[in-house]
Amino acid sequence: MQNSLKTFALSLVGLFVVGGLWTFLSLNVAPDLPSPWRTWQESKIYVLNPWEKRGEMDQGIGLMTAYSLFRVAKGFFLAIAIGTPLGFLLGASPTFFKMFDPTIQLLRPISPLAWLPLGLILFRQSEPAALFTIALCSMWPTVINTMTGVRAIPQDYLNVARVLRLSPWKQFTKVWLPATLPYMFTGYRLSLGIAWLVIVAAEMLTGTPGVGGFLWQEYNSLIYSHILLSILTIGVVGFTLDRMMGFAENKLRTV
């Protein structure tokens, strides 16, 4: 309990330091940068009425966040639906690994800003193009961590499964999946973080309603306080998603 209070107090000190630095910069270095108080005054309508819809891109921060989270959820689940079996195949089959690992290493570092135009060419609509980009960019941590988990299965486990003459399905459910699950969840946590990063870029480029779309609109309108509101929202939501996945991962490891 004492350690938790100490951690909380230190976190508050860190926030006050960042807030003080922000105030100093807005007053002395960058006059166009709104101070924390000015940011709140000019943005509080979006926070105090989070579910109000006044126009297509003039909505409460809760609604805009919900749009982004819904897209992230669809792209994330698509990513893990593709990445998990691909990781198992890469980990279990040396031939499959040698065949596709160079291609994966070639595709993995490509920026979402490069994939999104291709998605628009393929699907001709912003929504499926965004899902394509999120899934393609966020699947790689799941692929790599699942593959690593499969390769880390002790050979003794596999030998026992053979001695017991377990069917392939029982080998998968009783040996492969339990041994690989912690690695998979680590990959899922990383993939979710990347999916949240990608959705901001996707919405900024497509202009669709969401936190990223709102940020881009306010940038074009030179309303800096709303840009800061979007940045803070992105950070808070990203932090919350990471903590939720971390909690699920810790629970899984204690089972």
Protein backbone atom coordinates (compact mmCIF):
# COMPACT_ATOMS: atom_id res chain seq x y z
CA MET A 1 0.00 0.00 0.00
CA GLN A 2 2.81 2.40 0.92
CA ASN A 3 4.65 1.66 -2.33
CA SER A 4 1.47 2.33 -4.32
CA LEU A 5 0.99 5.72 -2.63
CA LYS A 6 4.62 6.60 -3.24
CA THR A 7 4.33 5.67 -6.91
CA PHE A 8 1.13 7.73 -7.22
CA ALA A 9 2.76 10.73 -5.54
CA LEU A 10 5.80 10.54 -7.81
CA SER A 11 3.51 10.32 -10.85
CA LEU A 12 1.72 13.49 -9.72
CA VAL A 13 5.06 15.26 -9.27
CA GLY A 14 6.02 14.23 -12.81
CA LEU A 15 2.75 15.61 -14.17
CA PHE A 16 3.24 18.92 -12.35
CA VAL A 17 6.77 19.20 -13.71
CA VAL A 18 5.55 18.62 -17.27
CA GLY A 19 2.70 21.09 -16.73
CA GLY A 20 5.14 23.68 -15.39
CA LEU A 21 7.44 23.21 -18.37
CA TRP A 22 4.46 23.51 -20.71
CA THR A 23 3.42 26.79 -19.01
CA PHE A 24 6.97 28.15 -19.17
CA LEU A 25 7.27 27.39 -22.89
CA SER A 26 3.91 28.98 -23.68
CA LEU A 27 4.78 32.16 -21.77
CA ASN A 28 8.44 32.63 -22.67
CA VAL A 29 9.45 30.59 -25.71
CA ALA A 30 6.47 29.86 -28.00
CA PRO A 31 3.70 32.47 -27.65
CA ASP A 32 1.49 30.57 -30.10
CA LEU A 33 1.54 27.53 -27.81
CA PRO A 34 -1.54 27.69 -25.54
CA SER A 35 -0.91 27.32 -21.83
CA PRO A 36 -2.65 24.50 -19.91
CA TRP A 37 -5.28 26.93 -18.61
CA ARG A 38 -5.95 28.42 -22.03
CA THR A 39 -6.13 24.94 -23.55
CA TRP A 40 -8.77 24.00 -20.99
CA GLN A 41 -10.79 27.19 -21.51
CA GLU A 42 -10.88 26.77 -25.30
CA SER A 43 -11.44 23.00 -25.27
CA LYS A 44 -13.70 22.37 -22.28
CA ILE A 45 -16.84 22.18 -24.43
CA TYR A 46 -15.47 18.97 -25.97
CA VAL A 47 -14.63 17.52 -22.53
CA LEU A 48 -17.69 18.61 -20.55
CA ASN A 49 -20.05 17.47 -23.34
CA PRO A 50 -18.16 14.38 -24.54
CA TRP A 51 -21.11 12.75 -26.35
CA GLU A 52 -22.59 15.83 -28.02
CA LYS A 53 -22.67 15.88 -31.82
CA ARG A 54 -22.87 19.34 -33.37
CA GLY A 55 -21.52 18.45 -36.81
CA GLU A 56 -19.57 15.83 -38.73
CA MET A 57 -16.22 16.91 -37.29
CA ASP A 58 -17.55 18.99 -34.38
CA GLN A 59 -18.29 16.40 -31.72
CA GLY A 60 -17.47 15.72 -28.11
CA ILE A 61 -14.14 14.08 -27.33
CA GLY A 62 -15.92 10.94 -26.12
CA LEU A 63 -17.65 10.40 -29.46
CA MET A 64 -14.48 11.05 -31.46
CA THR A 65 -12.53 8.65 -29.26
CA ALA A 66 -15.25 6.02 -29.64
CA TYR A 67 -15.03 6.27 -33.45
CA SER A 68 -11.27 5.76 -33.31
CA LEU A 69 -11.47 2.90 -30.80
CA PHE A 70 -14.06 1.09 -32.92
CA ARG A 71 -11.79 1.25 -35.96
CA VAL A 72 -8.81 0.16 -33.87
CA ALA A 73 -10.77 -2.80 -32.47
CA LYS A 74 -11.71 -4.03 -35.95
CA GLY A 75 -8.18 -3.61 -37.30
CA PHE A 76 -6.60 -5.15 -34.18
CA PHE A 77 -8.77 -8.26 -34.21
CA LEU A 78 -8.11 -8.66 -37.91
CA ALA A 79 -4.37 -8.37 -37.20
CA ILE A 80 -4.32 -11.03 -34.50
CA ALA A 81 -6.63 -13.30 -36.52
CA ILE A 82 -4.03 -13.27 -39.31
CA GLY A 83 -0.88 -12.90 -37.21
CA THR A 84 -1.50 -15.69 -34.68
CA PRO A 85 -1.78 -18.64 -37.11
CA LEU A 86 1.01 -17.15 -39.23
CA GLY A 87 3.24 -17.05 -36.14
CA PHE A 88 2.42 -20.68 -35.35
CA LEU A 89 3.30 -21.73 -38.89
CA LEU A 90 6.58 -19.81 -38.85
CA GLY A 91 7.54 -21.29 -35.49
CA ALA A 92 6.53 -24.87 -36.26
CA SER A 93 7.78 -25.23 -39.82
CA PRO A 94 11.44 -24.44 -40.66
CA THR A 95 10.58 -24.69 -44.36
CA PHE A 96 7.74 -22.16 -44.02
CA PHE A 97 10.04 -19.87 -42.02
CA LYS A 98 12.81 -19.96 -44.64
CA MET A 99 10.24 -19.33 -47.37
CA PHE A 100 8.50 -16.30 -45.88
CA ASP A 101 10.84 -14.74 -43.30
CA PRO A 102 12.64 -12.54 -45.87
CA THR A 103 9.31 -11.21 -47.13
CA ILE A 104 8.12 -10.49 -43.58
CA GLN A 105 11.34 -8.66 -42.71
CA LEU A 106 10.90 -6.60 -45.88
CA LEU A 107 7.30 -5.63 -45.12
CA ARG A 108 7.59 -5.13 -41.35
CA PRO A 109 9.40 -1.74 -41.25
CA ILE A 110 7.18 -0.05 -43.86
CA SER A 111 5.43 3.02 -42.46
CA PRO A 112 1.62 3.24 -42.27
CA LEU A 113 1.93 6.43 -44.31
CA ALA A 114 3.11 4.22 -47.17
CA TRP A 115 0.48 1.51 -46.74
CA LEU A 116 -2.55 3.82 -46.56
CA PRO A 117 -2.34 5.10 -50.17
CA LEU A 118 -2.10 1.47 -51.33
CA GLY A 119 -5.19 0.67 -49.27
CA LEU A 120 -7.05 3.55 -50.90
CA ILE A 121 -6.04 2.24 -54.34
CA LEU A 122 -7.19 -1.29 -53.49
CA PHE A 123 -10.47 -0.49 -51.71
CA ARG A 124 -11.30 3.03 -53.00
CA GLN A 125 -12.86 3.91 -49.62
CA SER A 126 -11.29 5.37 -46.52
CA GLU A 127 -12.80 2.98 -43.97
CA PRO A 128 -11.56 -0.35 -45.42
CA ALA A 129 -8.26 1.32 -46.35
CA ALA A 130 -7.79 2.34 -42.70
CA LEU A 131 -8.59 -1.19 -41.48
CA PHE A 132 -6.16 -2.63 -44.03
CA THR A 133 -3.42 -0.30 -42.82
CA ILE A 134 -4.07 -0.94 -39.12
CA ALA A 135 -4.10 -4.72 -39.55
CA LEU A 136 -1.01 -4.83 -41.75
CA CYS A 137 1.08 -2.54 -39.54
CA SER A 138 0.04 -3.99 -36.17
CA MET A 139 0.18 -7.72 -36.93
CA TRP A 140 3.98 -8.11 -36.88
CA PRO A 141 4.52 -8.12 -33.08
CA THR A 142 1.90 -10.86 -32.83
CA VAL A 143 3.56 -12.85 -35.61
CA ILE A 144 7.06 -12.57 -34.14
CA ASN A 145 6.10 -13.20 -30.51
CA THR A 146 3.91 -16.18 -31.39
CA MET A 147 6.71 -17.63 -33.50
CA THR A 148 9.15 -17.12 -30.61
CA GLY A 149 6.76 -18.81 -28.19
CA VAL A 150 6.39 -21.85 -30.44
CA ARG A 151 10.16 -22.18 -30.76
CA ALA A 152 10.56 -21.87 -26.98
CA ILE A 153 8.37 -24.93 -26.24
CA PRO A 154 10.64 -27.45 -24.45
CA GLN A 155 11.33 -30.53 -26.55
CA ASP A 156 10.44 -32.69 -23.53
CA TYR A 157 6.83 -31.46 -23.77
CA LEU A 158 6.62 -32.53 -27.39
CA ASN A 159 8.24 -35.88 -26.64
CA VAL A 160 5.70 -36.62 -23.90
CA ALA A 161 2.87 -35.72 -26.27
CA ARG A 162 4.23 -38.20 -28.81
CA VAL A 163 4.64 -40.94 -26.18
CA LEU A 164 1.03 -40.39 -25.09
CA ARG A 165 0.01 -40.49 -28.76
CA LEU A 166 -2.02 -37.33 -28.49
CA SER A 167 -3.89 -36.30 -31.61
CA PRO A 168 -2.66 -33.17 -33.42
CA TRP A 169 -5.60 -31.20 -32.02
CA LYS A 170 -4.89 -32.32 -28.44
CA GLN A 171 -1.20 -31.56 -28.89
CA PHE A 172 -2.15 -28.07 -29.97
CA THR A 173 -4.66 -27.43 -27.15
CA LYS A 174 -2.74 -29.19 -24.35
CA VAL A 175 0.90 -28.39 -25.22
CA TRP A 176 1.41 -25.78 -27.93
CA LEU A 177 -1.25 -23.24 -26.99
CA PRO A 178 -0.67 -23.10 -23.18
CA ALA A 179 3.10 -22.85 -23.64
CA THR A 180 2.81 -20.12 -26.28
CA LEU A 181 0.00 -18.06 -24.72
CA PRO A 182 2.21 -15.71 -22.62
CA TYR A 183 4.27 -14.87 -25.70
CA MET A 184 1.10 -14.32 -27.72
CA PHE A 185 -0.30 -11.87 -25.17
CA THR A 186 2.94 -9.91 -25.21
CA GLY A 187 2.54 -9.69 -28.98
CA TYR A 188 -1.12 -8.68 -28.62
CA ARG A 189 -0.15 -5.88 -26.23
CA LEU A 190 2.44 -4.51 -28.64
CA SER A 191 0.08 -4.90 -31.60
CA LEU A 192 -2.67 -2.96 -29.84
CA GLY A 193 -0.28 -0.09 -29.13
CA ILE A 194 0.77 0.05 -32.77
CA ALA A 195 -2.87 -0.15 -33.91
CA TRP A 196 -3.67 2.95 -31.81
CA LEU A 197 -0.70 4.80 -33.30
CA VAL A 198 -1.70 3.87 -36.85
CA ILE A 199 -5.34 4.94 -36.50
CA VAL A 200 -4.25 8.52 -35.76
CA ALA A 201 -2.21 8.68 -38.98
CA ALA A 202 -4.97 6.95 -40.97
CA GLU A 203 -7.65 9.38 -39.78
CA MET A 204 -5.41 12.38 -40.35
CA LEU A 205 -4.82 11.38 -43.98
CA THR A 206 -8.40 10.31 -44.77
CA GLY A 207 -10.17 13.06 -42.81
CA THR A 208 -12.61 10.62 -41.20
CA PRO A 209 -14.29 11.45 -37.86
CA GLY A 210 -12.13 10.45 -34.92
CA VAL A 211 -9.34 11.80 -32.77
CA GLY A 212 -6.86 11.83 -35.65
CA GLY A 213 -9.32 13.45 -38.05
CA PHE A 214 -10.18 16.10 -35.46
CA LEU A 215 -6.48 16.82 -34.87
CA TRP A 216 -5.85 17.31 -38.57
CA GLN A 217 -8.90 19.56 -39.00
CA GLU A 218 -7.87 21.77 -36.08
CA TYR A 219 -4.30 21.94 -37.40
CA ASN A 220 -5.59 23.21 -40.73
CA SER A 221 -7.73 25.71 -38.82
CA LEU A 222 -4.73 26.74 -36.66
CA ILE A 223 -6.66 26.11 -33.42
CA TYR A 224 -3.70 25.03 -31.33
CA SER A 225 -5.57 24.34 -28.10
CA HIS A 226 -7.69 21.71 -29.84
CA ILE A 227 -4.53 20.14 -31.25
CA LEU A 228 -3.21 19.83 -27.70
CA LEU A 229 -6.54 18.35 -26.57
CA SER A 230 -6.23 15.71 -29.30
CA ILE A 231 -2.64 14.94 -28.31
CA LEU A 232 -3.59 14.55 -24.65
CA THR A 233 -6.53 12.32 -25.59
CA ILE A 234 -4.30 10.12 -27.74
CA GLY A 235 -1.85 9.77 -24.85
CA VAL A 236 -4.48 9.00 -22.21
CA VAL A 237 -6.26 6.42 -24.37
CA GLY A 238 -2.98 4.79 -25.41
CA PHE A 239 -1.89 4.60 -21.75
CA THR A 240 -5.23 3.08 -20.75
CA LEU A 241 -5.15 0.46 -23.49
CA ASP A 242 -1.61 -0.54 -22.58
CA ARG A 243 -2.47 -0.88 -18.88
CA MET A 244 -5.56 -2.97 -19.70
CA MET A 245 -3.54 -5.37 -21.84
CA GLY A 246 -0.79 -5.44 -19.23
CA PHE A 247 -3.35 -6.36 -16.55
CA ALA A 248 -4.74 -9.17 -18.72
CA GLU A 249 -1.22 -10.40 -19.42
CA ASN A 250 -0.29 -10.45 -15.72
CA LYS A 251 -3.50 -12.30 -14.87
CA LEU A 252 -2.70 -14.86 -17.54
CA ARG A 253 0.80 -15.43 -16.18
CA THR A 254 -0.56 -16.08 -12.66
CA VAL A 255 -3.11 -18.67 -13.83
